[in-house]
PDB file of N, CA and C in Angstrom:
ATOM      1  N   MET A   1      -8.840  -5.985  -7.908  1.00  0.00           N
ATOM      2  CA  MET A   1      -7.403  -6.287  -8.117  1.00  0.00           C
ATOM      3  C   MET A   1      -7.084  -6.669  -9.807  1.00  0.00           C
ATOM      4  N   SER A   2      -6.350  -5.781 -10.373  1.00  0.00           N
ATOM      5  CA  SER A   2      -6.136  -6.038 -11.674  1.00  0.00           C
ATOM      6  C   SER A   2      -5.204  -6.971 -11.990  1.00  0.00           C
ATOM      7  N   LYS A   3      -5.169  -7.682 -13.198  1.00  0.00           N
ATOM      8  CA  LYS A   3      -4.334  -8.797 -13.370  1.00  0.00           C
ATOM      9  C   LYS A   3      -2.994  -8.081 -13.975  1.00  0.00           C
ATOM     10  N   ARG A   4      -1.859  -8.599 -13.556  1.00  0.00           N
ATOM     11  CA  ARG A   4      -0.520  -8.011 -13.795  1.00  0.00           C
ATOM     12  C   ARG A   4       0.180  -8.919 -15.081  1.00  0.00           C
ATOM     13  N   VAL A   5       0.509  -8.151 -16.055  1.00  0.00           N
ATOM     14  CA  VAL A   5       1.178  -8.650 -17.261  1.00  0.00           C
ATOM     15  C   VAL A   5       2.457  -8.248 -17.440  1.00  0.00           C
ATOM     16  N   LEU A   6       3.368  -9.002 -17.956  1.00  0.00           N
ATOM     17  CA  LEU A   6       4.685  -8.757 -18.369  1.00  0.00           C
ATOM     18  C   LEU A   6       4.753  -8.975 -19.959  1.00  0.00           C
ATOM     19  N   ILE A   7       5.426  -7.784 -20.487  1.00  0.00           N
ATOM     20  CA  ILE A   7       5.188  -7.906 -22.063  1.00  0.00           C
ATOM     21  C   ILE A   7       6.818  -8.031 -22.600  1.00  0.00           C
ATOM     22  N   VAL A   8       6.800  -9.011 -23.471  1.00  0.00           N
ATOM     23  CA  VAL A   8       8.204  -9.379 -23.845  1.00  0.00           C
ATOM     24  C   VAL A   8       8.214  -9.250 -25.231  1.00  0.00           C
ATOM     25  N   ASP A   9       9.055  -8.425 -25.946  1.00  0.00           N
ATOM     26  CA  ASP A   9       9.282  -8.401 -27.309  1.00  0.00           C
ATOM     27  C   ASP A   9      10.434  -7.458 -27.592  1.00  0.00           C
ATOM     28  N   ASP A  10      11.051  -7.901 -28.583  1.00  0.00           N
ATOM     29  CA  ASP A  10      12.531  -7.187 -28.933  1.00  0.00           C
ATOM     30  C   ASP A  10      12.104  -5.853 -29.535  1.00  0.00           C
ATOM     31  N   ALA A  11      10.982  -5.651 -29.990  1.00  0.00           N
ATOM     32  CA  ALA A  11      10.615  -4.354 -30.739  1.00  0.00           C
ATOM     33  C   ALA A  11       9.789  -3.304 -29.768  1.00  0.00           C
ATOM     34  N   ALA A  12      10.329  -2.275 -29.557  1.00  0.00           N
ATOM     35  CA  ALA A  12       9.753  -1.464 -28.498  1.00  0.00           C
ATOM     36  C   ALA A  12       8.288  -1.069 -29.032  1.00  0.00           C
ATOM     37  N   PHE A  13       8.137  -0.975 -30.392  1.00  0.00           N
ATOM     38  CA  PHE A  13       6.945  -0.515 -30.847  1.00  0.00           C
ATOM     39  C   PHE A  13       5.784  -1.551 -30.706  1.00  0.00           C
ATOM     40  N   MET A  14       6.230  -2.871 -30.625  1.00  0.00           N
ATOM     41  CA  MET A  14       5.308  -4.007 -30.440  1.00  0.00           C
ATOM     42  C   MET A  14       4.981  -4.167 -29.086  1.00  0.00           C
ATOM     43  N   ARG A  15       5.894  -3.783 -28.043  1.00  0.00           N
ATOM     44  CA  ARG A  15       5.495  -3.657 -26.597  1.00  0.00           C
ATOM     45  C   ARG A  15       4.540  -2.562 -26.242  1.00  0.00           C
ATOM     46  N   MET A  16       4.849  -1.438 -26.974  1.00  0.00           N
ATOM     47  CA  MET A  16       3.831  -0.449 -26.513  1.00  0.00           C
ATOM     48  C   MET A  16       2.509  -0.721 -27.109  1.00  0.00           C
ATOM     49  N   MET A  17       2.409  -1.291 -28.405  1.00  0.00           N
ATOM     50  CA  MET A  17       1.038  -1.716 -28.866  1.00  0.00           C
ATOM     51  C   MET A  17       0.411  -2.761 -27.960  1.00  0.00           C
ATOM     52  N   VAL A  18       0.897  -3.689 -27.523  1.00  0.00           N
ATOM     53  CA  VAL A  18       0.435  -4.594 -26.537  1.00  0.00           C
ATOM     54  C   VAL A  18      -0.046  -3.901 -25.239  1.00  0.00           C
ATOM     55  N   LYS A  19       0.802  -3.136 -24.810  1.00  0.00           N
ATOM     56  CA  LYS A  19       0.562  -2.251 -23.496  1.00  0.00           C
ATOM     57  C   LYS A  19      -0.678  -1.538 -23.590  1.00  0.00           C
ATOM     58  N   ASP A  20      -0.780  -0.976 -24.709  1.00  0.00           N
ATOM     59  CA  ASP A  20      -1.842   0.096 -25.191  1.00  0.00           C
ATOM     60  C   ASP A  20      -3.204  -0.808 -25.093  1.00  0.00           C
ATOM     61  N   ILE A  21      -3.127  -1.861 -25.738  1.00  0.00           N
ATOM     62  CA  ILE A  21      -4.333  -2.529 -25.874  1.00  0.00           C
ATOM     63  C   ILE A  21      -4.884  -3.139 -24.348  1.00  0.00           C
ATOM     64  N   LEU A  22      -3.670  -3.573 -23.701  1.00  0.00           N
ATOM     65  CA  LEU A  22      -4.140  -4.095 -22.278  1.00  0.00           C
ATOM     66  C   LEU A  22      -4.712  -2.994 -21.291  1.00  0.00           C
ATOM     67  N   THR A  23      -3.982  -1.696 -21.245  1.00  0.00           N
ATOM     68  CA  THR A  23      -4.200  -0.838 -20.404  1.00  0.00           C
ATOM     69  C   THR A  23      -5.663  -0.155 -20.654  1.00  0.00           C
ATOM     70  N   LYS A  24      -6.128  -0.190 -22.007  1.00  0.00           N
ATOM     71  CA  LYS A  24      -7.281   0.260 -22.497  1.00  0.00           C
ATOM     72  C   LYS A  24      -8.476  -0.756 -21.959  1.00  0.00           C
ATOM     73  N   ASN A  25      -8.023  -1.981 -21.629  1.00  0.00           N
ATOM     74  CA  ASN A  25      -8.893  -3.031 -21.387  1.00  0.00           C
ATOM     75  C   ASN A  25      -8.852  -3.377 -19.821  1.00  0.00           C
ATOM     76  N   GLY A  26      -8.264  -2.504 -18.969  1.00  0.00           N
ATOM     77  CA  GLY A  26      -8.325  -2.618 -17.582  1.00  0.00           C
ATOM     78  C   GLY A  26      -7.070  -3.751 -16.985  1.00  0.00           C
ATOM     79  N   TYR A  27      -6.148  -3.958 -17.746  1.00  0.00           N
ATOM     80  CA  TYR A  27      -5.119  -4.768 -17.276  1.00  0.00           C
ATOM     81  C   TYR A  27      -3.922  -3.704 -16.940  1.00  0.00           C
ATOM     82  N   GLU A  28      -3.210  -4.395 -15.815  1.00  0.00           N
ATOM     83  CA  GLU A  28      -2.049  -3.516 -15.341  1.00  0.00           C
ATOM     84  C   GLU A  28      -0.808  -4.246 -15.884  1.00  0.00           C
ATOM     85  N   VAL A  29       0.058  -3.389 -16.558  1.00  0.00           N
ATOM     86  CA  VAL A  29       1.241  -3.864 -17.058  1.00  0.00           C
ATOM     87  C   VAL A  29       2.387  -3.539 -15.869  1.00  0.00           C
ATOM     88  N   VAL A  30       2.686  -4.568 -15.294  1.00  0.00           N
ATOM     89  CA  VAL A  30       3.780  -4.593 -14.177  1.00  0.00           C
ATOM     90  C   VAL A  30       5.090  -4.124 -14.658  1.00  0.00           C
ATOM     91  N   GLY A  31       5.897  -3.334 -14.031  1.00  0.00           N
ATOM     92  CA  GLY A  31       7.126  -2.863 -14.477  1.00  0.00           C
ATOM     93  C   GLY A  31       7.753  -3.500 -15.611  1.00  0.00           C
ATOM     94  N   GLY A  32       6.761  -4.080 -16.278  1.00  0.00           N
ATOM     95  CA  GLY A  32       6.936  -5.287 -17.152  1.00  0.00           C
ATOM     96  C   GLY A  32       7.022  -5.274 -18.430  1.00  0.00           C
ATOM     97  N   GLU A  33       8.339  -4.945 -18.872  1.00  0.00           N
ATOM     98  CA  GLU A  33       8.632  -5.024 -20.320  1.00  0.00           C
ATOM     99  C   GLU A  33      10.049  -5.516 -20.391  1.00  0.00           C
ATOM    100  N   ALA A  34      10.131  -6.391 -21.379  1.00  0.00           N
ATOM    101  CA  ALA A  34      11.501  -7.156 -21.402  1.00  0.00           C
ATOM    102  C   ALA A  34      11.751  -7.090 -22.951  1.00  0.00           C
ATOM    103  N   GLN A  35      13.067  -6.937 -23.471  1.00  0.00           N
ATOM    104  CA  GLN A  35      13.445  -7.091 -24.987  1.00  0.00           C
ATOM    105  C   GLN A  35      13.895  -8.352 -25.383  1.00  0.00           C
ATOM    106  N   ASP A  36      14.177  -9.353 -24.490  1.00  0.00           N
ATOM    107  CA  ASP A  36      14.643 -10.625 -24.870  1.00  0.00           C
ATOM    108  C   ASP A  36      14.440 -11.452 -23.883  1.00  0.00           C
ATOM    109  N   GLY A  37      14.656 -12.860 -24.270  1.00  0.00           N
ATOM    110  CA  GLY A  37      14.381 -13.937 -23.469  1.00  0.00           C
ATOM    111  C   GLY A  37      15.051 -14.035 -21.975  1.00  0.00           C
ATOM    112  N   VAL A  38      16.399 -13.577 -21.963  1.00  0.00           N
ATOM    113  CA  VAL A  38      16.881 -13.466 -20.772  1.00  0.00           C
ATOM    114  C   VAL A  38      16.329 -12.506 -19.652  1.00  0.00           C
ATOM    115  N   GLU A  39      16.224 -11.353 -20.398  1.00  0.00           N
ATOM    116  CA  GLU A  39      15.506 -10.493 -19.435  1.00  0.00           C
ATOM    117  C   GLU A  39      14.024 -10.808 -19.073  1.00  0.00           C
ATOM    118  N   ALA A  40      13.385 -11.468 -19.840  1.00  0.00           N
ATOM    119  CA  ALA A  40      12.013 -12.009 -19.629  1.00  0.00           C
ATOM    120  C   ALA A  40      12.053 -12.980 -18.418  1.00  0.00           C
ATOM    121  N   VAL A  41      12.866 -13.948 -18.351  1.00  0.00           N
ATOM    122  CA  VAL A  41      13.154 -14.811 -17.231  1.00  0.00           C
ATOM    123  C   VAL A  41      13.348 -13.999 -15.932  1.00  0.00           C
ATOM    124  N   GLU A  42      14.381 -13.053 -16.058  1.00  0.00           N
ATOM    125  CA  GLU A  42      14.790 -12.336 -14.872  1.00  0.00           C
ATOM    126  C   GLU A  42      13.512 -11.666 -14.337  1.00  0.00           C
ATOM    127  N   LYS A  43      12.865 -10.807 -15.230  1.00  0.00           N
ATOM    128  CA  LYS A  43      11.578 -10.075 -14.826  1.00  0.00           C
ATOM    129  C   LYS A  43      10.607 -10.931 -14.348  1.00  0.00           C
ATOM    130  N   TYR A  44      10.228 -12.205 -14.745  1.00  0.00           N
ATOM    131  CA  TYR A  44       9.277 -12.983 -14.363  1.00  0.00           C
ATOM    132  C   TYR A  44       9.769 -13.317 -13.081  1.00  0.00           C
ATOM    133  N   ASP A  45      10.840 -13.599 -12.734  1.00  0.00           N
ATOM    134  CA  ASP A  45      11.417 -14.098 -11.130  1.00  0.00           C
ATOM    135  C   ASP A  45      11.041 -13.067 -10.125  1.00  0.00           C
ATOM    136  N   GLU A  46      11.375 -11.811 -10.580  1.00  0.00           N
ATOM    137  CA  GLU A  46      11.190 -10.645  -9.863  1.00  0.00           C
ATOM    138  C   GLU A  46       9.826 -10.120  -9.839  1.00  0.00           C
ATOM    139  N   LEU A  47       9.020 -10.041 -10.735  1.00  0.00           N
ATOM    140  CA  LEU A  47       7.653  -9.599 -10.815  1.00  0.00           C
ATOM    141  C   LEU A  47       6.342 -10.557 -10.474  1.00  0.00           C
ATOM    142  N   LYS A  48       6.739 -11.858 -10.793  1.00  0.00           N
ATOM    143  CA  LYS A  48       5.749 -12.851 -10.689  1.00  0.00           C
ATOM    144  C   LYS A  48       4.292 -12.332 -11.262  1.00  0.00           C
ATOM    145  N   PRO A  49       4.230 -12.060 -12.528  1.00  0.00           N
ATOM    146  CA  PRO A  49       2.887 -11.659 -13.255  1.00  0.00           C
ATOM    147  C   PRO A  49       1.982 -12.707 -13.315  1.00  0.00           C
ATOM    148  N   ASP A  50       0.827 -12.197 -13.524  1.00  0.00           N
ATOM    149  CA  ASP A  50      -0.233 -13.212 -13.638  1.00  0.00           C
ATOM    150  C   ASP A  50      -0.381 -13.732 -15.227  1.00  0.00           C
ATOM    151  N   LEU A  51       0.374 -12.946 -16.195  1.00  0.00           N
ATOM    152  CA  LEU A  51       0.522 -13.542 -17.454  1.00  0.00           C
ATOM    153  C   LEU A  51       1.667 -12.796 -18.167  1.00  0.00           C
ATOM    154  N   VAL A  52       2.455 -13.371 -19.178  1.00  0.00           N
ATOM    155  CA  VAL A  52       3.253 -12.976 -19.877  1.00  0.00           C
ATOM    156  C   VAL A  52       2.865 -13.287 -21.338  1.00  0.00           C
ATOM    157  N   THR A  53       2.904 -12.034 -22.206  1.00  0.00           N
ATOM    158  CA  THR A  53       2.904 -12.162 -23.730  1.00  0.00           C
ATOM    159  C   THR A  53       4.375 -12.275 -24.207  1.00  0.00           C
ATOM    160  N   MET A  54       4.733 -13.223 -24.875  1.00  0.00           N
ATOM    161  CA  MET A  54       6.108 -13.471 -25.123  1.00  0.00           C
ATOM    162  C   MET A  54       6.464 -13.666 -26.699  1.00  0.00           C
ATOM    163  N   ASP A  55       7.017 -12.601 -27.363  1.00  0.00           N
ATOM    164  CA  ASP A  55       7.542 -12.852 -28.656  1.00  0.00           C
ATOM    165  C   ASP A  55       8.203 -14.142 -28.955  1.00  0.00           C
ATOM    166  N   ILE A  56       8.181 -14.763 -30.132  1.00  0.00           N
ATOM    167  CA  ILE A  56       8.770 -15.919 -30.318  1.00  0.00           C
ATOM    168  C   ILE A  56      10.259 -15.631 -30.792  1.00  0.00           C
ATOM    169  N   THR A  57      10.476 -14.594 -31.567  1.00  0.00           N
ATOM    170  CA  THR A  57      11.811 -14.593 -32.345  1.00  0.00           C
ATOM    171  C   THR A  57      12.533 -13.193 -31.653  1.00  0.00           C
ATOM    172  N   MET A  58      13.428 -13.411 -30.935  1.00  0.00           N
ATOM    173  CA  MET A  58      14.231 -12.308 -30.197  1.00  0.00           C
ATOM    174  C   MET A  58      15.766 -12.687 -30.116  1.00  0.00           C
ATOM    175  N   PRO A  59      16.754 -11.742 -29.914  1.00  0.00           N
ATOM    176  CA  PRO A  59      17.988 -11.902 -29.764  1.00  0.00           C
ATOM    177  C   PRO A  59      18.186 -12.577 -28.405  1.00  0.00           C
ATOM    178  N   GLU A  60      19.620 -12.843 -28.266  1.00  0.00           N
ATOM    179  CA  GLU A  60      19.910 -13.414 -26.905  1.00  0.00           C
ATOM    180  C   GLU A  60      19.465 -14.828 -26.540  1.00  0.00           C
ATOM    181  N   MET A  61      17.984 -14.821 -26.204  1.00  0.00           N
ATOM    182  CA  MET A  61      17.348 -16.046 -25.994  1.00  0.00           C
ATOM    183  C   MET A  61      15.914 -16.012 -26.561  1.00  0.00           C
ATOM    184  N   ASP A  62      15.620 -16.784 -27.431  1.00  0.00           N
ATOM    185  CA  ASP A  62      14.267 -16.696 -28.152  1.00  0.00           C
ATOM    186  C   ASP A  62      13.086 -17.009 -27.100  1.00  0.00           C
ATOM    187  N   GLY A  63      11.892 -16.816 -27.558  1.00  0.00           N
ATOM    188  CA  GLY A  63      10.824 -16.866 -26.718  1.00  0.00           C
ATOM    189  C   GLY A  63      10.546 -18.321 -26.304  1.00  0.00           C
ATOM    190  N   ILE A  64      10.781 -19.200 -27.129  1.00  0.00           N
ATOM    191  CA  ILE A  64      10.486 -20.643 -26.859  1.00  0.00           C
ATOM    192  C   ILE A  64      11.535 -21.047 -25.632  1.00  0.00           C
ATOM    193  N   ALA A  65      12.679 -20.699 -25.750  1.00  0.00           N
ATOM    194  CA  ALA A  65      13.633 -20.987 -24.744  1.00  0.00           C
ATOM    195  C   ALA A  65      13.330 -20.320 -23.456  1.00  0.00           C
ATOM    196  N   ALA A  66      12.789 -19.031 -23.445  1.00  0.00           N
ATOM    197  CA  ALA A  66      12.442 -18.333 -22.345  1.00  0.00           C
ATOM    198  C   ALA A  66      11.198 -19.027 -21.663  1.00  0.00           C
ATOM    199  N   LEU A  67      10.377 -19.452 -22.543  1.00  0.00           N
ATOM    200  CA  LEU A  67       9.031 -20.121 -22.185  1.00  0.00           C
ATOM    201  C   LEU A  67       9.431 -21.228 -21.333  1.00  0.00           C
ATOM    202  N   LYS A  68      10.285 -22.240 -21.892  1.00  0.00           N
ATOM    203  CA  LYS A  68      10.771 -23.495 -21.208  1.00  0.00           C
ATOM    204  C   LYS A  68      11.506 -23.099 -19.879  1.00  0.00           C
ATOM    205  N   GLU A  69      12.197 -22.169 -19.852  1.00  0.00           N
ATOM    206  CA  GLU A  69      12.968 -21.806 -18.631  1.00  0.00           C
ATOM    207  C   GLU A  69      12.009 -21.428 -17.491  1.00  0.00           C
ATOM    208  N   ILE A  70      10.946 -20.533 -17.921  1.00  0.00           N
ATOM    209  CA  ILE A  70      10.051 -20.125 -16.916  1.00  0.00           C
ATOM    210  C   ILE A  70       9.168 -21.062 -16.452  1.00  0.00           C
ATOM    211  N   LYS A  71       8.586 -22.067 -17.493  1.00  0.00           N
ATOM    212  CA  LYS A  71       7.729 -23.201 -17.067  1.00  0.00           C
ATOM    213  C   LYS A  71       8.558 -24.193 -16.115  1.00  0.00           C
ATOM    214  N   GLY A  72       9.950 -24.231 -16.386  1.00  0.00           N
ATOM    215  CA  GLY A  72      10.552 -25.090 -15.632  1.00  0.00           C
ATOM    216  C   GLY A  72      10.679 -24.682 -14.123  1.00  0.00           C
ATOM    217  N   LYS A  73      10.643 -23.498 -13.886  1.00  0.00           N
ATOM    218  CA  LYS A  73      10.677 -22.912 -12.565  1.00  0.00           C
ATOM    219  C   LYS A  73       9.285 -22.802 -11.991  1.00  0.00           C
ATOM    220  N   ASP A  74       8.283 -22.433 -12.724  1.00  0.00           N
ATOM    221  CA  ASP A  74       6.896 -22.283 -12.320  1.00  0.00           C
ATOM    222  C   ASP A  74       5.926 -22.841 -13.334  1.00  0.00           C
ATOM    223  N   SER A  75       5.491 -24.178 -13.040  1.00  0.00           N
ATOM    224  CA  SER A  75       4.780 -24.938 -14.094  1.00  0.00           C
ATOM    225  C   SER A  75       3.362 -24.319 -14.203  1.00  0.00           C
ATOM    226  N   GLU A  76       3.045 -23.413 -13.275  1.00  0.00           N
ATOM    227  CA  GLU A  76       1.596 -22.727 -13.379  1.00  0.00           C
ATOM    228  C   GLU A  76       1.691 -21.435 -14.152  1.00  0.00           C
ATOM    229  N   ALA A  77       3.010 -21.024 -14.832  1.00  0.00           N
ATOM    230  CA  ALA A  77       3.033 -19.601 -15.428  1.00  0.00           C
ATOM    231  C   ALA A  77       2.062 -19.714 -16.609  1.00  0.00           C
ATOM    232  N   ASN A  78       1.458 -18.356 -16.788  1.00  0.00           N
ATOM    233  CA  ASN A  78       0.555 -18.392 -17.920  1.00  0.00           C
ATOM    234  C   ASN A  78       1.212 -17.600 -19.007  1.00  0.00           C
ATOM    235  N   ILE A  79       1.588 -18.237 -20.097  1.00  0.00           N
ATOM    236  CA  ILE A  79       2.279 -17.430 -21.219  1.00  0.00           C
ATOM    237  C   ILE A  79       1.504 -17.483 -22.500  1.00  0.00           C
ATOM    238  N   ILE A  80       1.323 -16.383 -23.160  1.00  0.00           N
ATOM    239  CA  ILE A  80       0.898 -16.390 -24.395  1.00  0.00           C
ATOM    240  C   ILE A  80       1.891 -15.981 -25.421  1.00  0.00           C
ATOM    241  N   MET A  81       2.147 -16.786 -26.557  1.00  0.00           N
ATOM    242  CA  MET A  81       3.142 -16.594 -27.475  1.00  0.00           C
ATOM    243  C   MET A  81       2.616 -15.625 -28.571  1.00  0.00           C
ATOM    244  N   CYS A  82       3.527 -14.684 -28.888  1.00  0.00           N
ATOM    245  CA  CYS A  82       3.097 -13.645 -30.142  1.00  0.00           C
ATOM    246  C   CYS A  82       4.080 -14.142 -31.152  1.00  0.00           C
ATOM    247  N   SER A  83       3.459 -14.315 -32.248  1.00  0.00           N
ATOM    248  CA  SER A  83       4.316 -14.863 -33.647  1.00  0.00           C
ATOM    249  C   SER A  83       3.965 -14.020 -34.808  1.00  0.00           C
ATOM    250  N   ALA A  84       4.803 -13.896 -35.647  1.00  0.00           N
ATOM    251  CA  ALA A  84       4.513 -13.313 -36.972  1.00  0.00           C
ATOM    252  C   ALA A  84       3.820 -14.399 -37.865  1.00  0.00           C
ATOM    253  N   MET A  85       3.186 -13.865 -38.926  1.00  0.00           N
ATOM    254  CA  MET A  85       2.769 -15.065 -39.823  1.00  0.00           C
ATOM    255  C   MET A  85       3.817 -15.880 -40.308  1.00  0.00           C
ATOM    256  N   GLY A  86       3.587 -17.221 -40.453  1.00  0.00           N
ATOM    257  CA  GLY A  86       4.528 -18.086 -41.086  1.00  0.00           C
ATOM    258  C   GLY A  86       5.296 -18.721 -40.044  1.00  0.00           C
ATOM    259  N   GLN A  87       4.787 -18.674 -38.739  1.00  0.00           N
ATOM    260  CA  GLN A  87       5.744 -19.316 -37.734  1.00  0.00           C
ATOM    261  C   GLN A  87       5.131 -20.425 -37.176  1.00  0.00           C
ATOM    262  N   GLN A  88       4.138 -21.141 -37.972  1.00  0.00           N
ATOM    263  CA  GLN A  88       3.333 -22.079 -37.334  1.00  0.00           C
ATOM    264  C   GLN A  88       4.234 -23.303 -36.595  1.00  0.00           C
ATOM    265  N   ALA A  89       5.275 -23.730 -37.237  1.00  0.00           N
ATOM    266  CA  ALA A  89       6.067 -24.643 -36.584  1.00  0.00           C
ATOM    267  C   ALA A  89       6.497 -24.329 -35.182  1.00  0.00           C
ATOM    268  N   MET A  90       6.915 -22.979 -35.136  1.00  0.00           N
ATOM    269  CA  MET A  90       7.454 -22.590 -33.697  1.00  0.00           C
ATOM    270  C   MET A  90       6.157 -22.508 -32.697  1.00  0.00           C
ATOM    271  N   VAL A  91       5.019 -21.931 -33.268  1.00  0.00           N
ATOM    272  CA  VAL A  91       3.816 -21.769 -32.350  1.00  0.00           C
ATOM    273  C   VAL A  91       3.501 -23.290 -31.770  1.00  0.00           C
ATOM    274  N   ILE A  92       3.494 -24.256 -32.653  1.00  0.00           N
ATOM    275  CA  ILE A  92       3.390 -25.650 -32.178  1.00  0.00           C
ATOM    276  C   ILE A  92       4.356 -26.194 -31.135  1.00  0.00           C
ATOM    277  N   ASP A  93       5.723 -25.672 -31.405  1.00  0.00           N
ATOM    278  CA  ASP A  93       6.514 -26.083 -30.432  1.00  0.00           C
ATOM    279  C   ASP A  93       6.362 -25.305 -29.060  1.00  0.00           C
ATOM    280  N   ALA A  94       6.038 -24.138 -29.078  1.00  0.00           N
ATOM    281  CA  ALA A  94       5.682 -23.185 -27.888  1.00  0.00           C
ATOM    282  C   ALA A  94       4.433 -23.880 -27.157  1.00  0.00           C
ATOM    283  N   ILE A  95       3.311 -24.200 -27.936  1.00  0.00           N
ATOM    284  CA  ILE A  95       2.156 -24.918 -27.217  1.00  0.00           C
ATOM    285  C   ILE A  95       2.672 -26.247 -26.657  1.00  0.00           C
ATOM    286  N   GLN A  96       3.348 -27.059 -27.154  1.00  0.00           N
ATOM    287  CA  GLN A  96       3.851 -28.185 -26.656  1.00  0.00           C
ATOM    288  C   GLN A  96       4.768 -28.084 -25.293  1.00  0.00           C
ATOM    289  N   ALA A  97       5.426 -26.767 -25.343  1.00  0.00           N
ATOM    290  CA  ALA A  97       6.384 -26.511 -24.190  1.00  0.00           C
ATOM    291  C   ALA A  97       5.461 -26.006 -23.043  1.00  0.00           C
ATOM    292  N   GLY A  98       4.270 -25.586 -23.328  1.00  0.00           N
ATOM    293  CA  GLY A  98       3.399 -25.114 -22.346  1.00  0.00           C
ATOM    294  C   GLY A  98       2.796 -23.809 -22.488  1.00  0.00           C
ATOM    295  N   ALA A  99       2.913 -23.056 -23.578  1.00  0.00           N
ATOM    296  CA  ALA A  99       2.233 -21.876 -23.782  1.00  0.00           C
ATOM    297  C   ALA A  99       0.712 -21.984 -23.783  1.00  0.00           C
ATOM    298  N   ARG A 100      -0.006 -21.206 -23.305  1.00  0.00           N
ATOM    299  CA  ARG A 100      -1.361 -21.364 -23.006  1.00  0.00           C
ATOM    300  C   ARG A 100      -2.236 -20.847 -24.274  1.00  0.00           C
ATOM    301  N   ASP A 101      -1.584 -20.101 -25.044  1.00  0.00           N
ATOM    302  CA  ASP A 101      -2.420 -19.709 -26.365  1.00  0.00           C
ATOM    303  C   ASP A 101      -1.338 -18.971 -27.250  1.00  0.00           C
ATOM    304  N   PHE A 102      -1.685 -18.316 -28.572  1.00  0.00           N
ATOM    305  CA  PHE A 102      -0.866 -17.683 -29.056  1.00  0.00           C
ATOM    306  C   PHE A 102      -1.573 -16.441 -29.830  1.00  0.00           C
ATOM    307  N   ILE A 103      -1.110 -15.373 -30.036  1.00  0.00           N
ATOM    308  CA  ILE A 103      -1.522 -14.303 -30.956  1.00  0.00           C
ATOM    309  C   ILE A 103      -0.689 -13.901 -32.018  1.00  0.00           C
ATOM    310  N   VAL A 104      -1.270 -13.511 -33.242  1.00  0.00           N
ATOM    311  CA  VAL A 104      -0.594 -13.251 -34.326  1.00  0.00           C
ATOM    312  C   VAL A 104      -0.346 -11.788 -34.635  1.00  0.00           C
ATOM    313  N   LYS A 105       0.821 -11.295 -35.000  1.00  0.00           N
ATOM    314  CA  LYS A 105       1.148  -9.954 -35.337  1.00  0.00           C
ATOM    315  C   LYS A 105       0.755  -9.725 -36.865  1.00  0.00           C
ATOM    316  N   PRO A 106       0.355  -8.751 -37.339  1.00  0.00           N
ATOM    317  CA  PRO A 106      -0.022  -7.512 -36.518  1.00  0.00           C
ATOM    318  C   PRO A 106      -1.262  -7.664 -35.646  1.00  0.00           C
ATOM    319  N   PHE A 107      -1.139  -7.262 -34.298  1.00  0.00           N
ATOM    320  CA  PHE A 107      -1.966  -7.621 -33.286  1.00  0.00           C
ATOM    321  C   PHE A 107      -3.446  -7.005 -33.685  1.00  0.00           C
ATOM    322  N   GLN A 108      -4.462  -7.746 -33.437  1.00  0.00           N
ATOM    323  CA  GLN A 108      -5.698  -7.230 -33.534  1.00  0.00           C
ATOM    324  C   GLN A 108      -6.336  -7.101 -32.046  1.00  0.00           C
ATOM    325  N   ALA A 109      -6.789  -5.953 -31.474  1.00  0.00           N
ATOM    326  CA  ALA A 109      -7.053  -5.748 -30.075  1.00  0.00           C
ATOM    327  C   ALA A 109      -8.132  -6.805 -29.616  1.00  0.00           C
ATOM    328  N   ASP A 110      -9.074  -7.038 -30.241  1.00  0.00           N
ATOM    329  CA  ASP A 110     -10.046  -7.951 -29.944  1.00  0.00           C
ATOM    330  C   ASP A 110      -9.537  -9.379 -29.617  1.00  0.00           C
ATOM    331  N   ARG A 111      -8.566  -9.812 -30.595  1.00  0.00           N
ATOM    332  CA  ARG A 111      -7.913 -11.240 -30.487  1.00  0.00           C
ATOM    333  C   ARG A 111      -7.094 -11.245 -29.250  1.00  0.00           C
ATOM    334  N   VAL A 112      -6.179 -10.079 -29.133  1.00  0.00           N
ATOM    335  CA  VAL A 112      -5.290 -10.061 -27.739  1.00  0.00           C
ATOM    336  C   VAL A 112      -6.220 -10.145 -26.582  1.00  0.00           C
ATOM    337  N   ILE A 113      -7.250  -9.480 -26.439  1.00  0.00           N
ATOM    338  CA  ILE A 113      -8.167  -9.404 -25.334  1.00  0.00           C
ATOM    339  C   ILE A 113      -8.765 -10.842 -25.114  1.00  0.00           C
ATOM    340  N   GLU A 114      -9.275 -11.391 -26.155  1.00  0.00           N
ATOM    341  CA  GLU A 114      -9.857 -12.718 -26.162  1.00  0.00           C
ATOM    342  C   GLU A 114      -8.991 -13.813 -25.712  1.00  0.00           C
ATOM    343  N   ALA A 115      -7.569 -13.703 -26.240  1.00  0.00           N
ATOM    344  CA  ALA A 115      -6.599 -14.714 -25.631  1.00  0.00           C
ATOM    345  C   ALA A 115      -6.392 -14.636 -24.250  1.00  0.00           C
ATOM    346  N   ILE A 116      -6.040 -13.283 -23.830  1.00  0.00           N
ATOM    347  CA  ILE A 116      -5.699 -13.137 -22.469  1.00  0.00           C
ATOM    348  C   ILE A 116      -6.929 -13.426 -21.457  1.00  0.00           C
ATOM    349  N   SER A 117      -8.134 -12.989 -21.807  1.00  0.00           N
ATOM    350  CA  SER A 117      -9.249 -13.307 -20.962  1.00  0.00           C
ATOM    351  C   SER A 117      -9.703 -14.812 -20.819  1.00  0.00           C
ATOM    352  N   LYS A 118      -9.369 -15.429 -21.750  1.00  0.00           N
ATOM    353  CA  LYS A 118      -9.387 -16.927 -21.864  1.00  0.00           C
ATOM    354  C   LYS A 118      -8.345 -17.633 -20.741  1.00  0.00           C
ATOM    355  N   VAL A 119      -7.251 -16.932 -20.824  1.00  0.00           N
ATOM    356  CA  VAL A 119      -6.223 -17.592 -19.873  1.00  0.00           C
ATOM    357  C   VAL A 119      -6.320 -17.187 -18.537  1.00  0.00           C
ATOM    358  N   ILE A 120      -6.558 -15.850 -18.127  1.00  0.00           N
ATOM    359  CA  ILE A 120      -6.506 -15.373 -16.741  1.00  0.00           C
ATOM    360  C   ILE A 120      -7.858 -14.609 -16.412  1.00  0.00           C
ATOM    361  N   GLY A 121      -8.777 -14.704 -17.360  1.00  0.00           N
ATOM    362  CA  GLY A 121     -10.084 -14.106 -17.017  1.00  0.00           C
ATOM    363  C   GLY A 121     -10.247 -12.485 -17.022  1.00  0.00           C
TER     364      GLY A 121
END
């Protein structure tokens, strides 16, 4: 049974990159892409994925607000934050809010897989 992943990023290109890395490494991306935090929360409720990769900076609702909302409903949620360089303060906020790990853009496939396998095996 493959692990189900929801990819959240406001940039379609970034979602595609993450999806490509995951599918090449045996992960299943559930109907699972969202472009902002509001959509992320809705999709999480609907799909119940094993893991969420969550961009920090997005329109409507940012990744940290979405993280807090998802963790408020499901304390067991596995969320890995995706940040651009120079967002250390936000990454710290996200980890304190319950993110399991973070990956930095531009993504390096081995680091993405390392973070995900550490969290969900």
